[in-house]
Protein backbone atom coordinates (compact mmCIF):
# COMPACT_ATOMS: atom_id res chain seq x y z
CA UNK A 1 -14.35 -35.49 -17.36
CA UNK A 2 -11.10 -35.31 -15.56
CA UNK A 3 -11.25 -33.38 -11.56
CA UNK A 4 -9.17 -30.55 -13.33
CA UNK A 5 -11.69 -30.20 -16.30
CA UNK A 6 -14.56 -30.18 -14.55
CA UNK A 7 -13.02 -27.26 -11.91
CA UNK A 8 -12.31 -25.44 -14.90
CA UNK A 9 -15.47 -25.82 -16.33
CA UNK A 10 -17.21 -24.85 -12.51
CA UNK A 11 -14.62 -21.68 -12.06
CA UNK A 12 -14.85 -20.28 -15.62
CA UNK A 13 -18.94 -20.46 -14.99
CA UNK A 14 -18.66 -18.43 -11.79
CA UNK A 15 -15.86 -16.17 -13.48
CA UNK A 16 -18.51 -15.40 -16.14
CA UNK A 17 -21.17 -13.91 -13.11
CA UNK A 18 -18.39 -12.34 -10.91
CA UNK A 19 -15.77 -10.47 -13.48
CA UNK A 20 -18.85 -7.57 -14.43
CA UNK A 21 -20.33 -7.41 -11.24
CA UNK A 22 -16.59 -7.00 -9.64
CA UNK A 23 -16.05 -4.35 -11.84
CA UNK A 24 -19.39 -2.35 -11.24
CA UNK A 25 -18.35 -2.54 -7.75
CA UNK A 26 -14.78 -1.04 -8.30
CA UNK A 27 -16.49 1.96 -10.05
CA UNK A 28 -18.67 2.65 -7.20
CA UNK A 29 -15.80 2.29 -5.01
CA UNK A 30 -13.87 4.73 -7.37
CA UNK A 31 -17.04 7.10 -7.29
CA UNK A 32 -17.25 7.20 -3.35
CA UNK A 33 -13.69 7.86 -2.86
CA UNK A 34 -13.31 10.51 -5.05
CA UNK A 35 -16.50 12.06 -3.98
CA UNK A 36 -17.38 10.66 -0.35
CA UNK A 37 -21.22 11.25 -0.10
CA UNK A 38 -23.98 9.13 2.08
CA UNK A 39 -25.49 7.89 -1.70
CA UNK A 40 -22.21 6.71 -3.26
CA UNK A 41 -21.44 5.20 0.26
CA UNK A 42 -24.72 3.16 -0.53
CA UNK A 43 -24.06 2.48 -3.88
CA UNK A 44 -20.88 1.46 -2.72
CA UNK A 45 -22.40 -1.04 -0.18
CA UNK A 46 -24.85 -2.24 -2.61
CA UNK A 47 -22.32 -2.79 -5.32
CA UNK A 48 -20.55 -5.20 -3.35
CA UNK A 49 -23.58 -6.98 -1.73
CA UNK A 50 -24.76 -7.86 -5.50
CA UNK A 51 -21.06 -9.19 -5.76
CA UNK A 52 -21.05 -11.04 -2.69
CA UNK A 53 -24.73 -12.41 -3.83
CA UNK A 54 -22.95 -15.27 -6.40
CA UNK A 55 -21.20 -16.70 -3.55
CA UNK A 56 -24.43 -17.80 -1.78
CA UNK A 57 -25.20 -20.29 -4.51
CA UNK A 58 -25.16 -23.07 -2.36
CA UNK A 59 -25.70 -25.56 -5.24
CA UNK A 60 -22.66 -24.35 -6.73
CA UNK A 61 -20.63 -24.68 -3.64
CA UNK A 62 -21.64 -28.14 -3.49
CA UNK A 63 -20.15 -28.73 -6.98
CA UNK A 64 -17.00 -27.25 -5.98
CA UNK A 65 -16.76 -29.12 -2.65
CA UNK A 66 -17.12 -32.49 -4.53
CA UNK A 67 -14.03 -31.48 -6.42
CA UNK A 68 -11.21 -33.55 -5.28
CA UNK A 69 -8.58 -31.32 -4.27
CA UNK A 70 -5.49 -33.60 -4.17
CA UNK A 71 -6.05 -34.13 -8.13
CA UNK A 72 -5.42 -30.64 -9.24
CA UNK A 73 -2.11 -28.86 -10.03
CA UNK A 74 -1.00 -26.66 -7.39
CA UNK A 75 -2.08 -23.57 -8.90
CA UNK A 76 -5.65 -24.80 -9.45
CA UNK A 77 -5.84 -26.36 -6.30
CA UNK A 78 -5.14 -22.92 -4.11
CA UNK A 79 -7.79 -21.30 -6.65
CA UNK A 80 -10.05 -24.18 -5.18
CA UNK A 81 -9.22 -23.10 -1.74
CA UNK A 82 -9.90 -19.50 -2.27
CA UNK A 83 -13.20 -20.02 -4.16
CA UNK A 84 -14.60 -22.29 -1.35
CA UNK A 85 -13.38 -19.81 1.10
CA UNK A 86 -15.17 -16.72 -0.42
CA UNK A 87 -18.64 -19.63 -0.16
CA UNK A 88 -18.50 -20.41 3.15
CA UNK A 89 -17.80 -16.49 3.69
CA UNK A 90 -21.00 -15.94 2.10
CA UNK A 91 -23.00 -18.72 3.38
CA UNK A 92 -22.38 -19.27 6.72
CA UNK A 93 -20.85 -15.47 7.81
CA UNK A 94 -23.40 -13.24 4.94
CA UNK A 95 -24.47 -11.29 7.35
CA UNK A 96 -21.54 -10.66 9.48
CA UNK A 97 -19.47 -9.76 6.01
CA UNK A 98 -22.16 -7.49 5.87
CA UNK A 99 -21.82 -5.99 8.64
CA UNK A 100 -17.89 -5.45 8.66
CA UNK A 101 -18.18 -3.77 5.16
CA UNK A 102 -21.13 -1.12 6.65
CA UNK A 103 -19.15 -0.36 9.47
CA UNK A 104 -15.84 -0.06 7.45
CA UNK A 105 -17.79 2.27 5.09
CA UNK A 106 -19.32 4.09 7.97
CA UNK A 107 -15.83 4.97 9.28
CA UNK A 108 -14.92 6.03 5.92
CA UNK A 109 -17.04 8.39 5.67
CA UNK A 110 -16.32 9.71 9.20
CA UNK A 111 -12.73 10.24 7.88
CA UNK A 112 -13.23 11.22 4.33
CA UNK A 113 -15.22 14.51 5.54
CA UNK A 114 -12.71 15.36 8.55
CA UNK A 115 -11.76 18.75 8.27
CA UNK A 116 -8.31 19.30 9.47
CA UNK A 117 -8.00 23.20 10.83
CA UNK A 118 -5.50 25.58 12.40
CA UNK A 119 -7.31 28.50 14.34
CA UNK A 120 -10.28 27.68 12.85
CA UNK A 121 -8.61 28.17 9.01
CA UNK A 122 -9.47 24.74 7.01
CA UNK A 123 -6.55 23.45 5.69
CA UNK A 124 -5.91 20.66 3.24
CA UNK A 125 -3.83 17.37 4.33
CA UNK A 126 -1.27 18.51 1.69
CA UNK A 127 -0.83 21.91 3.19
CA UNK A 128 -0.74 19.87 6.82
CA UNK A 129 1.93 18.00 5.58
CA UNK A 130 3.84 20.83 3.97
CA UNK A 131 3.60 22.45 7.31
CA UNK A 132 5.08 19.87 9.57
CA UNK A 133 7.92 19.49 6.72
CA UNK A 134 8.71 23.02 7.06
CA UNK A 135 7.40 25.44 9.77
CA UNK A 136 10.20 26.27 12.19
CA UNK A 137 7.48 28.00 15.09
CA UNK A 138 7.20 25.23 16.96
CA UNK A 139 3.56 26.48 18.19
CA UNK A 140 2.32 26.18 14.21
CA UNK A 141 3.47 22.52 14.27
CA UNK A 142 2.46 21.42 17.80
CA UNK A 143 -1.19 22.78 15.91
CA UNK A 144 -0.47 20.97 12.83
CA UNK A 145 0.34 17.75 14.40
CA UNK A 146 -2.75 18.21 17.05
CA UNK A 147 -4.92 18.37 13.94
CA UNK A 148 -4.06 15.23 12.39
CA UNK A 149 -4.34 13.21 15.34
CA UNK A 150 -7.53 15.00 16.42
CA UNK A 151 -8.36 12.94 12.81
CA UNK A 152 -7.45 9.93 14.65
CA UNK A 153 -9.79 10.71 17.75
CA UNK A 154 -12.46 11.03 15.31
CA UNK A 155 -12.10 7.25 14.85
CA UNK A 156 -10.18 5.59 17.00
CA UNK A 157 -13.08 4.03 19.19
CA UNK A 158 -14.78 2.93 15.98
CA UNK A 159 -11.47 1.62 15.09
CA UNK A 160 -10.98 -0.64 18.60
CA UNK A 161 -14.81 -1.77 18.09
CA UNK A 162 -14.22 -2.41 14.60
CA UNK A 163 -11.50 -4.89 15.34
CA UNK A 164 -13.44 -6.68 17.93
CA UNK A 165 -15.91 -7.22 15.60
CA UNK A 166 -13.17 -8.46 12.81
CA UNK A 167 -11.99 -10.52 15.78
CA UNK A 168 -15.15 -12.26 16.29
CA UNK A 169 -15.84 -13.32 12.85
CA UNK A 170 -12.45 -14.64 12.62
CA UNK A 171 -12.98 -16.72 15.63
CA UNK A 172 -15.65 -18.59 14.03
CA UNK A 173 -13.09 -19.18 11.18
CA UNK A 174 -11.10 -20.88 13.58
CA UNK A 175 -8.51 -18.21 14.15
CA UNK A 176 -6.96 -16.87 17.06
CA UNK A 177 -7.78 -12.78 15.78
CA UNK A 178 -8.62 -11.34 12.52
CA UNK A 179 -5.02 -10.48 12.02
CA UNK A 180 -3.45 -13.82 11.42
CA UNK A 181 -7.25 -14.46 9.28
CA UNK A 182 -6.33 -11.55 6.62
CA UNK A 183 -2.37 -12.69 6.69
CA UNK A 184 -3.33 -16.37 5.97
CA UNK A 185 -6.48 -16.39 4.06
CA UNK A 186 -5.98 -12.88 1.89
CA UNK A 187 -2.09 -13.30 1.58
CA UNK A 188 -1.41 -16.86 2.15
CA UNK A 189 1.38 -15.41 4.43
CA UNK A 190 2.57 -17.52 7.71
CA UNK A 191 3.13 -15.53 10.78
CA UNK A 192 5.76 -17.86 11.70
CA UNK A 193 7.75 -17.53 8.79
CA UNK A 194 6.76 -13.60 8.27
CA UNK A 195 8.44 -12.92 11.99
CA UNK A 196 11.67 -14.68 10.74
CA UNK A 197 11.96 -12.62 8.04
CA UNK A 198 11.48 -9.76 9.93
CA UNK A 199 13.36 -10.68 12.59
CA UNK A 200 16.28 -11.43 9.75
CA UNK A 201 16.15 -7.68 8.51
CA UNK A 202 15.87 -6.17 11.83
CA UNK A 203 18.74 -8.16 13.48
CA UNK A 204 21.38 -7.18 10.69
CA UNK A 205 19.77 -3.70 10.48
CA UNK A 206 19.02 -2.41 13.84
CA UNK A 207 22.74 -0.77 14.51
CA UNK A 208 22.55 1.04 11.45
CA UNK A 209 19.32 2.48 11.66
CA UNK A 210 19.71 3.68 15.17
CA UNK A 211 23.26 5.58 13.91
CA UNK A 212 20.79 6.98 11.42
CA UNK A 213 18.36 7.76 14.13
CA UNK A 214 20.23 9.14 16.33
CA UNK A 215 22.43 11.64 13.87
CA UNK A 216 18.98 12.98 13.15
CA UNK A 217 17.56 13.39 16.65
CA UNK A 218 21.11 15.51 17.55
CA UNK A 219 20.37 17.69 14.54
CA UNK A 220 16.41 18.39 15.53
CA UNK A 221 17.47 19.17 19.26
CA UNK A 222 20.29 21.78 17.35
CA UNK A 223 17.75 23.00 15.24
CA UNK A 224 14.88 23.40 17.72
CA UNK A 225 17.32 24.09 20.70
CA UNK A 226 15.09 21.95 23.08
CA UNK A 227 16.69 18.80 24.98
CA UNK A 228 13.59 16.71 24.51
CA UNK A 229 11.89 15.64 21.34
CA UNK A 230 8.23 16.33 21.21
CA UNK A 231 6.01 15.00 18.71
CA UNK A 232 5.81 17.99 16.34
CA UNK A 233 9.48 18.47 16.23
CA UNK A 234 8.89 15.28 13.90
CA UNK A 235 8.74 15.49 10.34
CA UNK A 236 10.90 18.60 9.41
CA UNK A 237 13.32 18.90 6.84
CA UNK A 238 16.56 20.57 7.63
CA UNK A 239 19.46 22.21 5.53
CA UNK A 240 21.18 19.04 6.08
CA UNK A 241 18.33 17.07 4.16
CA UNK A 242 18.54 17.73 0.57
CA UNK A 243 14.97 16.63 0.04
CA UNK A 244 14.49 20.19 1.20
CA UNK A 245 16.75 21.94 -1.41
CA UNK A 246 14.80 19.40 -3.52
CA UNK A 247 11.35 20.27 -2.86
CA UNK A 248 12.14 24.15 -3.64
CA UNK A 249 13.59 23.25 -7.02
CA UNK A 250 9.95 20.91 -7.90
CA UNK A 251 7.89 23.67 -6.65
CA UNK A 252 8.54 25.56 -9.89
CA UNK A 253 8.41 22.36 -12.07
CA UNK A 254 5.24 20.43 -12.92
CA UNK A 255 5.50 16.85 -11.61
CA UNK A 256 2.97 15.31 -13.27
CA UNK A 257 4.97 15.96 -16.33
CA UNK A 258 8.10 14.74 -14.72
CA UNK A 259 6.36 11.48 -14.19
CA UNK A 260 5.20 11.38 -17.57
CA UNK A 261 8.58 11.66 -18.86
CA UNK A 262 9.57 9.00 -16.58
CA UNK A 263 7.81 6.48 -17.69
CA UNK A 264 8.03 7.44 -21.21
CA UNK A 265 11.75 6.62 -20.65
CA UNK A 266 10.59 3.43 -20.19
CA UNK A 267 8.62 3.06 -23.42
CA UNK A 268 5.20 4.05 -21.33
CA UNK A 269 2.51 6.37 -23.11
CA UNK A 270 0.69 7.75 -20.30
CA UNK A 271 -0.99 10.54 -22.04
CA UNK A 272 -2.27 8.00 -24.98
CA UNK A 273 -3.72 5.82 -22.26
CA UNK A 274 -5.31 8.45 -21.11
CA UNK A 275 -7.12 9.22 -23.98
CA UNK A 276 -7.66 5.90 -24.73
CA UNK A 277 -9.78 5.64 -21.59
CA UNK A 278 -7.53 3.13 -20.15
CA UNK A 279 -6.29 4.91 -17.40
CA UNK A 280 -7.63 7.95 -15.75
CA UNK A 281 -5.78 10.40 -13.39
CA UNK A 282 -7.67 12.41 -10.69
CA UNK A 283 -4.78 13.77 -9.02
CA UNK A 284 -5.29 17.21 -7.16
CA UNK A 285 -7.27 17.99 -3.32
CA UNK A 286 -10.73 18.79 -3.40
CA UNK A 287 -13.80 18.94 -0.81
CA UNK A 288 -15.49 14.99 -0.37
CA UNK A 289 -12.34 13.49 -2.11
CA UNK A 290 -10.47 10.85 0.12
CA UNK A 291 -7.00 12.60 1.33
CA UNK A 292 -4.79 9.54 0.56
CA UNK A 293 -3.17 8.17 -2.40
CA UNK A 294 -4.87 5.06 -4.06
CA UNK A 295 -4.68 2.78 -7.72
CA UNK A 296 -7.95 1.46 -8.28
CA UNK A 297 -7.19 -1.36 -10.64
CA UNK A 298 -11.16 -1.28 -12.33
CA UNK A 299 -10.38 -3.93 -15.20
CA UNK A 300 -7.10 -5.17 -15.59
CA UNK A 301 -5.47 -5.05 -18.78
CA UNK A 302 -8.04 -2.13 -19.88
CA UNK A 303 -8.97 0.27 -16.91
CA UNK A 304 -7.19 1.64 -14.02
CA UNK A 305 -6.70 4.88 -12.25
CA UNK A 306 -5.28 6.82 -9.60
CA UNK A 307 -6.44 9.02 -6.92
CA UNK A 308 -4.08 11.44 -5.17
CA UNK A 309 -4.03 14.70 -3.66
CA UNK A 310 -0.64 16.10 -5.42
CA UNK A 311 1.38 19.23 -4.99
CA UNK A 312 4.84 19.96 -6.37
CA UNK A 313 7.35 18.21 -4.11
CA UNK A 314 9.06 14.78 -4.04
CA UNK A 315 5.96 12.77 -1.96
CA UNK A 316 3.87 13.71 -4.28
CA UNK A 317 6.57 12.60 -7.56
CA UNK A 318 7.01 9.70 -5.00
CA UNK A 319 3.52 9.21 -4.46
CA UNK A 320 2.49 9.29 -8.27
CA UNK A 321 5.48 7.31 -9.94
CA UNK A 322 4.59 4.62 -6.65
CA UNK A 323 0.66 4.73 -8.11
CA UNK A 324 1.59 4.74 -11.88
CA UNK A 325 3.61 1.27 -11.11
CA UNK A 326 0.70 -0.16 -10.04
CA UNK A 327 -1.69 0.92 -12.98
CA UNK A 328 1.00 0.01 -15.55
CA UNK A 329 1.64 -3.88 -13.87
CA UNK A 330 -2.54 -3.54 -13.85
CA UNK A 331 -2.78 -2.92 -17.73
CA UNK A 332 0.09 -5.24 -18.47
CA UNK A 333 -2.12 -8.25 -17.05
CA UNK A 334 -3.03 -10.69 -20.06
CA UNK A 335 -6.93 -10.20 -20.89
CA UNK A 336 -6.88 -13.92 -22.21
CA UNK A 337 -5.92 -14.92 -18.34
CA UNK A 338 -9.26 -16.64 -16.30
CA UNK A 339 -10.76 -13.97 -13.94
CA UNK A 340 -9.06 -15.29 -10.79
CA UNK A 341 -6.03 -14.75 -12.51
CA UNK A 342 -6.39 -11.45 -13.84
CA UNK A 343 -4.64 -9.69 -10.45
CA UNK A 344 -0.99 -9.16 -9.62
CA UNK A 345 1.21 -12.73 -8.65
CA UNK A 346 0.53 -10.86 -5.06
CA UNK A 347 -0.06 -7.73 -3.21
CA UNK A 348 3.52 -7.11 -2.30
CA UNK A 349 4.78 -8.00 -5.71
CA UNK A 350 2.38 -5.15 -6.85
CA UNK A 351 4.33 -2.81 -4.25
CA UNK A 352 7.50 -4.19 -4.97
CA UNK A 353 6.76 -2.55 -8.32
CA UNK A 354 5.21 0.33 -7.24
CA UNK A 355 7.38 1.00 -4.55
CA UNK A 356 10.78 0.27 -6.67
CA UNK A 357 9.11 2.90 -9.25
CA UNK A 358 8.80 5.68 -6.02
CA UNK A 359 12.41 5.03 -5.56
CA UNK A 360 13.15 6.01 -8.77
CA UNK A 361 13.86 9.43 -8.94
CA UNK A 362 17.29 8.38 -6.42
CA UNK A 363 18.16 5.11 -8.28
CA UNK A 364 18.24 7.06 -11.45
CA UNK A 365 18.87 10.74 -13.46
CA UNK A 366 14.74 11.91 -14.06
CA UNK A 367 15.67 14.71 -11.99
CA UNK A 368 19.18 15.29 -13.20
CA UNK A 369 18.21 17.94 -15.73
CA UNK A 370 16.41 20.65 -13.48
CA UNK A 371 18.46 19.63 -10.24
CA UNK A 372 22.65 20.79 -9.66
CA UNK A 373 25.26 18.45 -10.00
CA UNK A 374 26.02 18.37 -6.46
CA UNK A 375 22.45 18.43 -5.00
CA UNK A 376 21.50 15.65 -7.30
CA UNK A 377 24.10 13.28 -6.21
CA UNK A 378 23.26 14.08 -2.21
CA UNK A 379 19.41 13.48 -3.42
CA UNK A 380 20.23 9.71 -4.49
CA UNK A 381 22.39 9.13 -1.21
CA UNK A 382 19.46 9.63 0.85
CA UNK A 383 17.33 6.73 -0.05
CA UNK A 384 19.74 4.40 2.34
CA UNK A 385 17.83 7.02 5.25
CA UNK A 386 14.76 5.98 3.71
CA UNK A 387 14.75 2.52 3.56
CA UNK A 388 16.30 2.96 6.78
CA UNK A 389 13.43 5.20 8.30
CA UNK A 390 11.12 2.48 6.26
CA UNK A 391 12.48 -0.77 8.36
CA UNK A 392 11.31 1.23 11.62
CA UNK A 393 8.36 2.49 10.09
CA UNK A 394 6.64 -0.77 8.57
CA UNK A 395 7.63 -2.67 11.94
CA UNK A 396 5.77 -0.48 14.09
CA UNK A 397 2.98 -0.43 12.03
CA UNK A 398 3.28 -4.33 11.24
CA UNK A 399 3.72 -5.12 15.22
CA UNK A 400 1.11 -2.37 16.95
CA UNK A 401 -1.38 -4.22 14.21
CA UNK A 402 -0.68 -7.39 15.15
CA UNK A 403 -0.80 -6.62 19.28
CA UNK A 404 -3.80 -4.77 19.07
CA UNK A 405 -5.53 -7.57 17.36
CA UNK A 406 -4.48 -10.12 20.07
CA UNK A 407 -5.96 -7.58 22.84
CA UNK A 408 -7.71 -4.49 21.68
CA UNK A 409 -9.16 -4.23 25.52
CA UNK A 410 -5.76 -2.58 26.19
CA UNK A 411 -4.95 1.08 26.05
CA UNK A 412 -3.87 1.58 22.40
CA UNK A 413 -2.09 4.66 22.88
CA UNK A 414 0.10 3.31 25.25
CA UNK A 415 0.83 0.34 22.89
CA UNK A 416 1.69 3.19 20.29
CA UNK A 417 3.95 4.66 22.22
CA UNK A 418 5.63 1.75 23.54
CA UNK A 419 5.97 0.28 19.88
CA UNK A 420 6.96 3.90 18.44
CA UNK A 421 9.99 3.44 21.21
CA UNK A 422 11.45 0.21 20.32
CA UNK A 423 11.62 1.07 17.06
CA UNK A 424 12.34 4.39 16.65
CA UNK A 425 13.98 5.07 20.52
CA UNK A 426 11.65 8.37 20.68
CA UNK A 427 10.04 8.83 23.81
CA UNK A 428 6.46 10.75 23.50
CA UNK A 429 3.04 11.31 24.60
CA UNK A 430 0.20 9.11 24.22
CA UNK A 431 -2.12 9.61 21.72
CA UNK A 432 -4.19 8.42 18.58
CA UNK A 433 -1.86 9.04 15.81
CA UNK A 434 -1.86 5.30 15.47
CA UNK A 435 -5.95 5.81 14.08
CA UNK A 436 -4.67 7.98 11.12
CA UNK A 437 -2.86 5.11 9.51
CA UNK A 438 -5.47 4.49 6.86
CA UNK A 439 -4.71 0.57 6.36
CA UNK A 440 -5.62 -0.11 9.88
CA UNK A 441 -8.98 0.85 8.55
CA UNK A 442 -9.45 -0.30 4.73
CA UNK A 443 -6.57 -2.62 4.44
CA UNK A 444 -5.95 -4.91 7.98
CA UNK A 445 -2.86 -6.77 7.70
CA UNK A 446 -1.63 -5.08 4.32
CA UNK A 447 1.43 -2.91 5.85
CA UNK A 448 3.95 -6.69 6.04
CA UNK A 449 3.27 -6.86 2.24
CA UNK A 450 4.92 -3.31 1.89
CA UNK A 451 7.61 -4.62 4.32
CA UNK A 452 8.02 -7.85 2.10
CA UNK A 453 7.65 -5.81 -1.05
CA UNK A 454 10.80 -3.31 -0.12
CA UNK A 455 12.64 -6.41 0.07
CA UNK A 456 11.00 -7.23 -3.77
CA UNK A 457 11.92 -4.20 -4.83
CA UNK A 458 15.91 -4.76 -4.34
CA UNK A 459 15.98 -7.69 -5.85
CA UNK A 460 13.95 -6.82 -8.48
CA UNK A 461 15.88 -3.62 -9.41
CA UNK A 462 19.02 -5.26 -9.61
CA UNK A 463 18.07 -7.61 -11.59
CA UNK A 464 16.44 -5.34 -14.33
CA UNK A 465 19.35 -2.72 -13.67
CA UNK A 466 21.77 -6.01 -15.05
CA UNK A 467 20.11 -6.60 -18.01
CA UNK A 468 18.48 -3.11 -19.27
CA UNK A 469 20.52 -0.87 -17.59
CA UNK A 470 18.81 2.44 -16.30
CA UNK A 471 15.17 1.19 -16.55
CA UNK A 472 14.01 5.01 -17.31
CA UNK A 473 16.53 5.27 -19.77
CA UNK A 474 15.81 2.29 -22.04
CA UNK A 475 12.43 2.40 -24.01
CA UNK A 476 12.56 -1.53 -23.78
CA UNK A 477 11.76 -1.59 -20.56
CA UNK A 478 8.03 -1.63 -20.55
CA UNK A 479 8.17 -4.45 -22.83
CA UNK A 480 10.31 -6.28 -20.67
CA UNK A 481 8.52 -5.69 -17.42
CA UNK A 482 5.59 -6.66 -19.61
CA UNK A 483 6.41 -9.90 -21.08
CA UNK A 484 8.56 -11.66 -17.63
CA UNK A 485 6.35 -9.74 -15.18
CA UNK A 486 2.76 -8.28 -15.78
CA UNK A 487 1.36 -10.10 -18.37
CA UNK A 488 1.61 -13.19 -15.87
CA UNK A 489 -0.87 -11.45 -13.60
CA UNK A 490 -1.38 -14.61 -10.90
CA UNK A 491 -0.85 -17.85 -12.70
CA UNK A 492 2.70 -17.48 -11.41
CA UNK A 493 3.24 -17.90 -7.33
CA UNK A 494 4.65 -14.43 -6.30
CA UNK A 495 8.22 -16.56 -4.70
CA UNK A 496 8.24 -18.72 -8.22
CA UNK A 497 8.18 -15.30 -9.96
CA UNK A 498 11.12 -13.89 -8.04
CA UNK A 499 13.32 -17.24 -8.53
CA UNK A 500 12.05 -17.23 -12.74
CA UNK A 501 13.04 -13.27 -13.17
CA UNK A 502 16.09 -12.81 -11.32
CA UNK A 503 17.77 -16.63 -11.45
CA UNK A 504 17.66 -16.46 -7.54
CA UNK A 505 15.39 -17.47 -4.26
CA UNK A 506 13.50 -14.92 -2.68
CA UNK A 507 15.44 -13.71 -0.07
CA UNK A 508 16.67 -10.12 2.04
CA UNK A 509 19.75 -9.96 1.40
CA UNK A 510 19.81 -7.36 -1.46
CA UNK A 511 17.81 -4.89 1.01
CA UNK A 512 19.94 -5.40 3.95
CA UNK A 513 22.84 -4.72 1.53
CA UNK A 514 21.45 -1.31 0.19
CA UNK A 515 21.41 -0.20 4.10
CA UNK A 516 24.86 -1.07 5.15
CA UNK A 517 26.78 -0.40 2.06
């Protein structure tokens, strides 16, 4: 029997065990995030422990080790590498992995049950965001910001301890730290190449970004009548920002319906997907529910779910369009693929699709029937500022995480302050705002996927627009996306898929141009 046939037979045997266990564990995660009780946390932990147990089969591990990697095609070589990594982690580091999973769940439970308060009055995270966007009273703004940061205070020490645990695990695998380990092992991204990409974007856009930032800071100082801006001044939507007026209009509309209509314009019937049980939407805040927004790809091609905490405003419309982008990708993956390919081409690629769909309200005409013409055009033009702000935000988050994993014994508050000053030119007080970023807990080294995705989304959208025109006004869009991207799952590597789709190598050019021009 040929080596490739041996590998495929063995891979498929393992997949038969992993797939149902993975689906069960994803559902347990969904239950925990939508209702963060002690019981649901334990069920989630147990489900993932059971999934991991399949990688403790020493006989099967030795069979995989016996396959000559060099005799396999490139894609199968990568699959073998990933499978061997999973076996190695469980057989040689199983207890460490379980300790990491348990620690993450412990911290998640703590933050999920945190209650935001202003003057002893409970507020939801959605209400907190609204206060920081609209409240003019600086005393109330300061209290809102402080209750946000207290959520970080609650888990900051736990996160530092967790980072040290993760570093210990990575060092045992031959890496300098867990950030570099995750970057390479989970996302197949070389740190040096990521840094080259970051430097290219930052070098070419930093002058424009600083120009945009300085204009905004001048407006804020004038609005609050202060010489120096504090942490709690930022985030308010000034009259010059069209989002403020758009929020007023959206407050009288149902963004769930707007989003469903947007996807209908591309050829997706969201309500039918719900009735068929392929799509589940849990969209509104309640007690014991995680306060962030996620897509849970329970079973590719068959079952995808969204957890969100919506209100009728721009942020929530962006969130819902974004998460639905993940969902249609997941549901478009061919069920005929092998288990290890039943996932998006990469984490960055699915984020590119989702971010592109989040942008769609500023790229196309989904709001023109409810917005005055002048406001609609001004709102669309604000996408440039969004992208500029995203460059600063993503590089801030990536660099902070990279540096903290390099040295978790340093003062994280000071590190956060210094990096914020670098990318935002803001000299603020030290605090634990960094610990409020959910990815540091649940998705370490993940934010670089958003950064790379922002470059991908520009290249992908420009190609789609050339072929389809406005994608939300062409019902062939859904089929085009499925046939040319989604159905392939992970059987085509991310940069190969970009080239096949657009006819060009992946680059930052389209994104950089969108900021500069």
